[in-house]
Amino acid sequence: PSAEKPGDVKWDALAQAPVPQGAGSSALL
């Protein structure tokens, strides 16, 4: 595979990130 990963999302950061507030973010269910 290429060493580049365009648009790569860091899984650990995504999983542990707090839920942002406001209309621009998804809502917890």
PDB file of all heavy atoms in Angstrom:
ATOM      1  N   PRO A   1       0.820  -1.219   0.000  1.00  0.00           N
ATOM      2  CA  PRO A   1       0.000   0.000   0.000  1.00  0.00           C
ATOM      3  C   PRO A   1       0.848   1.262   0.000  1.00  0.00           C
ATOM      4  O   PRO A   1       2.010   1.253   0.418  1.00  0.00           O
ATOM      5  CB  PRO A   1      -0.807  -0.116   1.295  1.00  0.00           C
ATOM      6  CG  PRO A   1       0.019  -0.981   2.189  1.00  0.00           C
ATOM      7  CD  PRO A   1       0.718  -1.955   1.272  1.00  0.00           C
ATOM      8  N   SER A   2       0.247   2.341  -0.455  1.00  0.00           N
ATOM      9  CA  SER A   2       0.918   3.632  -0.422  1.00  0.00           C
ATOM     10  C   SER A   2       1.095   4.093   1.024  1.00  0.00           C
ATOM     11  O   SER A   2       0.285   3.770   1.897  1.00  0.00           O
ATOM     12  CB  SER A   2       0.083   4.663  -1.191  1.00  0.00           C
ATOM     13  OG  SER A   2       0.552   5.974  -0.960  1.00  0.00           O
ATOM     14  N   ALA A   3       2.153   4.848   1.261  1.00  0.00           N
ATOM     15  CA  ALA A   3       2.365   5.429   2.588  1.00  0.00           C
ATOM     16  C   ALA A   3       1.385   6.570   2.846  1.00  0.00           C
ATOM     17  O   ALA A   3       1.139   6.946   3.992  1.00  0.00           O
ATOM     18  CB  ALA A   3       3.793   5.931   2.717  1.00  0.00           C
ATOM     19  N   GLU A   4       0.819   7.103   1.773  1.00  0.00           N
ATOM     20  CA  GLU A   4      -0.148   8.195   1.907  1.00  0.00           C
ATOM     21  C   GLU A   4      -1.549   7.643   2.149  1.00  0.00           C
ATOM     22  O   GLU A   4      -1.938   6.612   1.588  1.00  0.00           O
ATOM     23  CB  GLU A   4      -0.158   9.051   0.640  1.00  0.00           C
ATOM     24  CG  GLU A   4       1.132   9.788   0.364  1.00  0.00           C
ATOM     25  CD  GLU A   4       0.984  10.686  -0.852  1.00  0.00           C
ATOM     26  OE1 GLU A   4       0.124  11.594  -0.832  1.00  0.00           O
ATOM     27  OE2 GLU A   4       1.719  10.474  -1.832  1.00  0.00           O
ATOM     28  N   LYS A   5      -2.313   8.373   2.959  1.00  0.00           N
ATOM     29  CA  LYS A   5      -3.706   7.991   3.232  1.00  0.00           C
ATOM     30  C   LYS A   5      -4.570   9.252   3.218  1.00  0.00           C
ATOM     31  O   LYS A   5      -4.901   9.791   4.273  1.00  0.00           O
ATOM     32  CB  LYS A   5      -3.800   7.276   4.576  1.00  0.00           C
ATOM     33  CG  LYS A   5      -3.098   5.925   4.616  1.00  0.00           C
ATOM     34  CD  LYS A   5      -3.380   5.161   5.890  1.00  0.00           C
ATOM     35  CE  LYS A   5      -2.643   5.747   7.070  1.00  0.00           C
ATOM     36  NZ  LYS A   5      -2.826   4.932   8.308  1.00  0.00           N
ATOM     37  N   PRO A   6      -4.933   9.733   2.013  1.00  0.00           N
ATOM     38  CA  PRO A   6      -5.740  10.962   1.938  1.00  0.00           C
ATOM     39  C   PRO A   6      -7.032  10.845   2.736  1.00  0.00           C
ATOM     40  O   PRO A   6      -7.750   9.857   2.645  1.00  0.00           O
ATOM     41  CB  PRO A   6      -6.041  11.079   0.434  1.00  0.00           C
ATOM     42  CG  PRO A   6      -4.945  10.314  -0.237  1.00  0.00           C
ATOM     43  CD  PRO A   6      -4.631   9.176   0.688  1.00  0.00           C
ATOM     44  N   GLY A   7      -7.309  11.863   3.537  1.00  0.00           N
ATOM     45  CA  GLY A   7      -8.537  11.877   4.323  1.00  0.00           C
ATOM     46  C   GLY A   7      -8.532  10.943   5.509  1.00  0.00           C
ATOM     47  O   GLY A   7      -9.587  10.682   6.102  1.00  0.00           O
ATOM     48  N   ASP A   8      -7.354  10.427   5.877  1.00  0.00           N
ATOM     49  CA  ASP A   8      -7.274   9.430   6.939  1.00  0.00           C
ATOM     50  C   ASP A   8      -7.873   9.951   8.242  1.00  0.00           C
ATOM     51  O   ASP A   8      -7.621  11.084   8.660  1.00  0.00           O
ATOM     52  CB  ASP A   8      -5.809   9.038   7.162  1.00  0.00           C
ATOM     53  CG  ASP A   8      -5.633   8.003   8.251  1.00  0.00           C
ATOM     54  OD1 ASP A   8      -6.433   7.051   8.284  1.00  0.00           O
ATOM     55  OD2 ASP A   8      -4.704   8.149   9.068  1.00  0.00           O
ATOM     56  N   VAL A   9      -8.672   9.104   8.898  1.00  0.00           N
ATOM     57  CA  VAL A   9      -9.261   9.423  10.191  1.00  0.00           C
ATOM     58  C   VAL A   9      -8.531   8.626  11.260  1.00  0.00           C
ATOM     59  O   VAL A   9      -8.352   7.417  11.134  1.00  0.00           O
ATOM     60  CB  VAL A   9     -10.766   9.075  10.221  1.00  0.00           C
ATOM     61  CG1 VAL A   9     -11.342   9.286  11.615  1.00  0.00           C
ATOM     62  CG2 VAL A   9     -11.507   9.933   9.207  1.00  0.00           C
ATOM     63  N   LYS A  10      -8.111   9.288  12.304  1.00  0.00           N
ATOM     64  CA  LYS A  10      -7.451   8.599  13.410  1.00  0.00           C
ATOM     65  C   LYS A  10      -8.501   7.947  14.294  1.00  0.00           C
ATOM     66  O   LYS A  10      -9.283   8.615  14.962  1.00  0.00           O
ATOM     67  CB  LYS A  10      -6.617   9.586  14.234  1.00  0.00           C
ATOM     68  CG  LYS A  10      -5.556  10.309  13.425  1.00  0.00           C
ATOM     69  CD  LYS A  10      -4.549   9.353  12.807  1.00  0.00           C
ATOM     70  CE  LYS A  10      -3.476  10.100  12.038  1.00  0.00           C
ATOM     71  NZ  LYS A  10      -2.558   9.178  11.326  1.00  0.00           N
ATOM     72  N   TRP A  11      -8.542   6.618  14.274  1.00  0.00           N
ATOM     73  CA  TRP A  11      -9.606   5.885  14.956  1.00  0.00           C
ATOM     74  C   TRP A  11      -9.675   6.166  16.444  1.00  0.00           C
ATOM     75  O   TRP A  11     -10.730   6.398  16.993  1.00  0.00           O
ATOM     76  CB  TRP A  11      -9.412   4.387  14.722  1.00  0.00           C
ATOM     77  CG  TRP A  11     -10.239   3.922  13.597  1.00  0.00           C
ATOM     78  CD1 TRP A  11      -9.947   4.008  12.274  1.00  0.00           C
ATOM     79  CD2 TRP A  11     -11.528   3.338  13.669  1.00  0.00           C
ATOM     80  NE1 TRP A  11     -10.966   3.508  11.519  1.00  0.00           N
ATOM     81  CE2 TRP A  11     -11.941   3.083  12.347  1.00  0.00           C
ATOM     82  CE3 TRP A  11     -12.381   3.002  14.711  1.00  0.00           C
ATOM     83  CZ2 TRP A  11     -13.170   2.507  12.047  1.00  0.00           C
ATOM     84  CZ3 TRP A  11     -13.596   2.420  14.412  1.00  0.00           C
ATOM     85  CH2 TRP A  11     -13.975   2.188  13.095  1.00  0.00           C
ATOM     86  N   ASP A  12      -8.539   6.141  17.114  1.00  0.00           N
ATOM     87  CA  ASP A  12      -8.568   6.346  18.561  1.00  0.00           C
ATOM     88  C   ASP A  12      -9.128   7.716  18.911  1.00  0.00           C
ATOM     89  O   ASP A  12      -9.923   7.870  19.830  1.00  0.00           O
ATOM     90  CB  ASP A  12      -7.162   6.190  19.141  1.00  0.00           C
ATOM     91  CG  ASP A  12      -6.670   4.758  19.077  1.00  0.00           C
ATOM     92  OD1 ASP A  12      -7.519   3.859  18.918  1.00  0.00           O
ATOM     93  OD2 ASP A  12      -5.445   4.533  19.172  1.00  0.00           O
ATOM     94  N   ALA A  13      -8.717   8.708  18.144  1.00  0.00           N
ATOM     95  CA  ALA A  13      -9.188  10.066  18.422  1.00  0.00           C
ATOM     96  C   ALA A  13     -10.688  10.171  18.155  1.00  0.00           C
ATOM     97  O   ALA A  13     -11.427  10.806  18.900  1.00  0.00           O
ATOM     98  CB  ALA A  13      -8.428  11.066  17.555  1.00  0.00           C
ATOM     99  N   LEU A  14     -11.158   9.530  17.100  1.00  0.00           N
ATOM    100  CA  LEU A  14     -12.579   9.586  16.760  1.00  0.00           C
ATOM    101  C   LEU A  14     -13.421   8.895  17.820  1.00  0.00           C
ATOM    102  O   LEU A  14     -14.467   9.384  18.227  1.00  0.00           O
ATOM    103  CB  LEU A  14     -12.818   8.928  15.399  1.00  0.00           C
ATOM    104  CG  LEU A  14     -14.257   8.934  14.888  1.00  0.00           C
ATOM    105  CD1 LEU A  14     -14.712  10.354  14.604  1.00  0.00           C
ATOM    106  CD2 LEU A  14     -14.391   8.075  13.635  1.00  0.00           C
ATOM    107  N   ALA A  15     -12.941   7.752  18.279  1.00  0.00           N
ATOM    108  CA  ALA A  15     -13.717   6.972  19.237  1.00  0.00           C
ATOM    109  C   ALA A  15     -13.815   7.650  20.598  1.00  0.00           C
ATOM    110  O   ALA A  15     -14.824   7.540  21.286  1.00  0.00           O
ATOM    111  CB  ALA A  15     -13.097   5.588  19.389  1.00  0.00           C
ATOM    112  N   GLN A  16     -12.745   8.368  20.973  1.00  0.00           N
ATOM    113  CA  GLN A  16     -12.697   8.925  22.313  1.00  0.00           C
ATOM    114  C   GLN A  16     -13.114  10.395  22.381  1.00  0.00           C
ATOM    115  O   GLN A  16     -13.265  10.953  23.448  1.00  0.00           O
ATOM    116  CB  GLN A  16     -11.275   8.777  22.867  1.00  0.00           C
ATOM    117  CG  GLN A  16     -10.848   7.323  22.989  1.00  0.00           C
ATOM    118  CD  GLN A  16      -9.379   7.176  23.348  1.00  0.00           C
ATOM    119  OE1 GLN A  16      -8.732   8.145  23.722  1.00  0.00           O
ATOM    120  NE2 GLN A  16      -8.859   5.960  23.247  1.00  0.00           N
ATOM    121  N   ALA A  17     -13.300  11.001  21.217  1.00  0.00           N
ATOM    122  CA  ALA A  17     -13.602  12.430  21.194  1.00  0.00           C
ATOM    123  C   ALA A  17     -14.952  12.711  21.843  1.00  0.00           C
ATOM    124  O   ALA A  17     -15.903  11.955  21.668  1.00  0.00           O
ATOM    125  CB  ALA A  17     -13.606  12.936  19.760  1.00  0.00           C
ATOM    126  N   PRO A  18     -15.057  13.816  22.573  1.00  0.00           N
ATOM    127  CA  PRO A  18     -16.366  14.183  23.131  1.00  0.00           C
ATOM    128  C   PRO A  18     -17.315  14.576  22.017  1.00  0.00           C
ATOM    129  O   PRO A  18     -16.905  14.994  20.941  1.00  0.00           O
ATOM    130  CB  PRO A  18     -16.030  15.381  24.033  1.00  0.00           C
ATOM    131  CG  PRO A  18     -14.771  15.961  23.444  1.00  0.00           C
ATOM    132  CD  PRO A  18     -14.005  14.778  22.922  1.00  0.00           C
ATOM    133  N   VAL A  19     -18.608  14.437  22.269  1.00  0.00           N
ATOM    134  CA  VAL A  19     -19.603  14.790  21.269  1.00  0.00           C
ATOM    135  C   VAL A  19     -19.715  16.306  21.203  1.00  0.00           C
ATOM    136  O   VAL A  19     -20.042  16.947  22.198  1.00  0.00           O
ATOM    137  CB  VAL A  19     -20.971  14.194  21.618  1.00  0.00           C
ATOM    138  CG1 VAL A  19     -21.985  14.542  20.539  1.00  0.00           C
ATOM    139  CG2 VAL A  19     -20.846  12.694  21.782  1.00  0.00           C
ATOM    140  N   PRO A  20     -19.443  16.925  20.052  1.00  0.00           N
ATOM    141  CA  PRO A  20     -19.554  18.380  19.952  1.00  0.00           C
ATOM    142  C   PRO A  20     -21.001  18.829  20.053  1.00  0.00           C
ATOM    143  O   PRO A  20     -21.917  18.099  19.690  1.00  0.00           O
ATOM    144  CB  PRO A  20     -18.979  18.683  18.564  1.00  0.00           C
ATOM    145  CG  PRO A  20     -19.127  17.408  17.805  1.00  0.00           C
ATOM    146  CD  PRO A  20     -19.014  16.305  18.811  1.00  0.00           C
ATOM    147  N   GLN A  21     -21.205  20.031  20.526  1.00  0.00           N
ATOM    148  CA  GLN A  21     -22.548  20.556  20.714  1.00  0.00           C
ATOM    149  C   GLN A  21     -22.946  21.433  19.538  1.00  0.00           C
ATOM    150  O   GLN A  21     -22.106  21.971  18.833  1.00  0.00           O
ATOM    151  CB  GLN A  21     -22.618  21.373  22.016  1.00  0.00           C
ATOM    152  CG  GLN A  21     -22.271  20.552  23.259  1.00  0.00           C
ATOM    153  CD  GLN A  21     -23.236  19.406  23.473  1.00  0.00           C
ATOM    154  OE1 GLN A  21     -24.450  19.595  23.413  1.00  0.00           O
ATOM    155  NE2 GLN A  21     -22.713  18.221  23.727  1.00  0.00           N
ATOM    156  N   GLY A  22     -24.254  21.603  19.333  1.00  0.00           N
ATOM    157  CA  GLY A  22     -24.727  22.520  18.310  1.00  0.00           C
ATOM    158  C   GLY A  22     -25.250  21.811  17.090  1.00  0.00           C
ATOM    159  O   GLY A  22     -25.082  20.611  16.907  1.00  0.00           O
ATOM    160  N   ALA A  23     -25.859  22.576  16.204  1.00  0.00           N
ATOM    161  CA  ALA A  23     -26.509  22.008  15.018  1.00  0.00           C
ATOM    162  C   ALA A  23     -25.527  21.432  14.031  1.00  0.00           C
ATOM    163  O   ALA A  23     -25.908  20.651  13.175  1.00  0.00           O
ATOM    164  CB  ALA A  23     -27.348  23.083  14.332  1.00  0.00           C
ATOM    165  N   GLY A  24     -24.259  21.836  14.108  1.00  0.00           N
ATOM    166  CA  GLY A  24     -23.299  21.358  13.128  1.00  0.00           C
ATOM    167  C   GLY A  24     -22.738  19.992  13.420  1.00  0.00           C
ATOM    168  O   GLY A  24     -21.897  19.495  12.694  1.00  0.00           O
ATOM    169  N   SER A  25     -23.171  19.350  14.478  1.00  0.00           N
ATOM    170  CA  SER A  25     -22.619  18.049  14.813  1.00  0.00           C
ATOM    171  C   SER A  25     -23.730  17.030  14.979  1.00  0.00           C
ATOM    172  O   SER A  25     -24.884  17.368  15.203  1.00  0.00           O
ATOM    173  CB  SER A  25     -21.805  18.141  16.113  1.00  0.00           C
ATOM    174  OG  SER A  25     -22.654  18.524  17.175  1.00  0.00           O
ATOM    175  N   SER A  26     -23.351  15.765  14.876  1.00  0.00           N
ATOM    176  CA  SER A  26     -24.359  14.723  15.024  1.00  0.00           C
ATOM    177  C   SER A  26     -24.751  14.560  16.478  1.00  0.00           C
ATOM    178  O   SER A  26     -23.997  14.877  17.387  1.00  0.00           O
ATOM    179  CB  SER A  26     -23.824  13.401  14.484  1.00  0.00           C
ATOM    180  OG  SER A  26     -22.689  13.013  15.206  1.00  0.00           O
ATOM    181  N   ALA A  27     -25.940  14.059  16.692  1.00  0.00           N
ATOM    182  CA  ALA A  27     -26.486  13.965  18.043  1.00  0.00           C
ATOM    183  C   ALA A  27     -26.353  12.557  18.590  1.00  0.00           C
ATOM    184  O   ALA A  27     -26.519  11.590  17.868  1.00  0.00           O
ATOM    185  CB  ALA A  27     -27.951  14.374  18.027  1.00  0.00           C
ATOM    186  N   LEU A  28     -26.074  12.462  19.891  1.00  0.00           N
ATOM    187  CA  LEU A  28     -26.080  11.160  20.542  1.00  0.00           C
ATOM    188  C   LEU A  28     -27.509  10.648  20.644  1.00  0.00           C
ATOM    189  O   LEU A  28     -28.454  11.408  20.819  1.00  0.00           O
ATOM    190  CB  LEU A  28     -25.498  11.280  21.955  1.00  0.00           C
ATOM    191  CG  LEU A  28     -23.978  11.204  22.061  1.00  0.00           C
ATOM    192  CD1 LEU A  28     -23.576  11.419  23.513  1.00  0.00           C
ATOM    193  CD2 LEU A  28     -23.459   9.875  21.576  1.00  0.00           C
ATOM    194  N   LEU A  29     -27.664   9.329  20.564  1.00  0.00           N
ATOM    195  CA  LEU A  29     -29.000   8.737  20.564  1.00  0.00           C
ATOM    196  C   LEU A  29     -29.188   7.786  21.725  1.00  0.00           C
ATOM    197  O   LEU A  29     -28.251   7.153  22.196  1.00  0.00           O
ATOM    198  CB  LEU A  29     -29.226   7.956  19.264  1.00  0.00           C
ATOM    199  CG  LEU A  29     -29.160   8.751  17.969  1.00  0.00           C
ATOM    200  CD1 LEU A  29     -29.339   7.805  16.804  1.00  0.00           C
ATOM    201  CD2 LEU A  29     -30.232   9.811  17.945  1.00  0.00           C
TER     202      LEU A  29
END
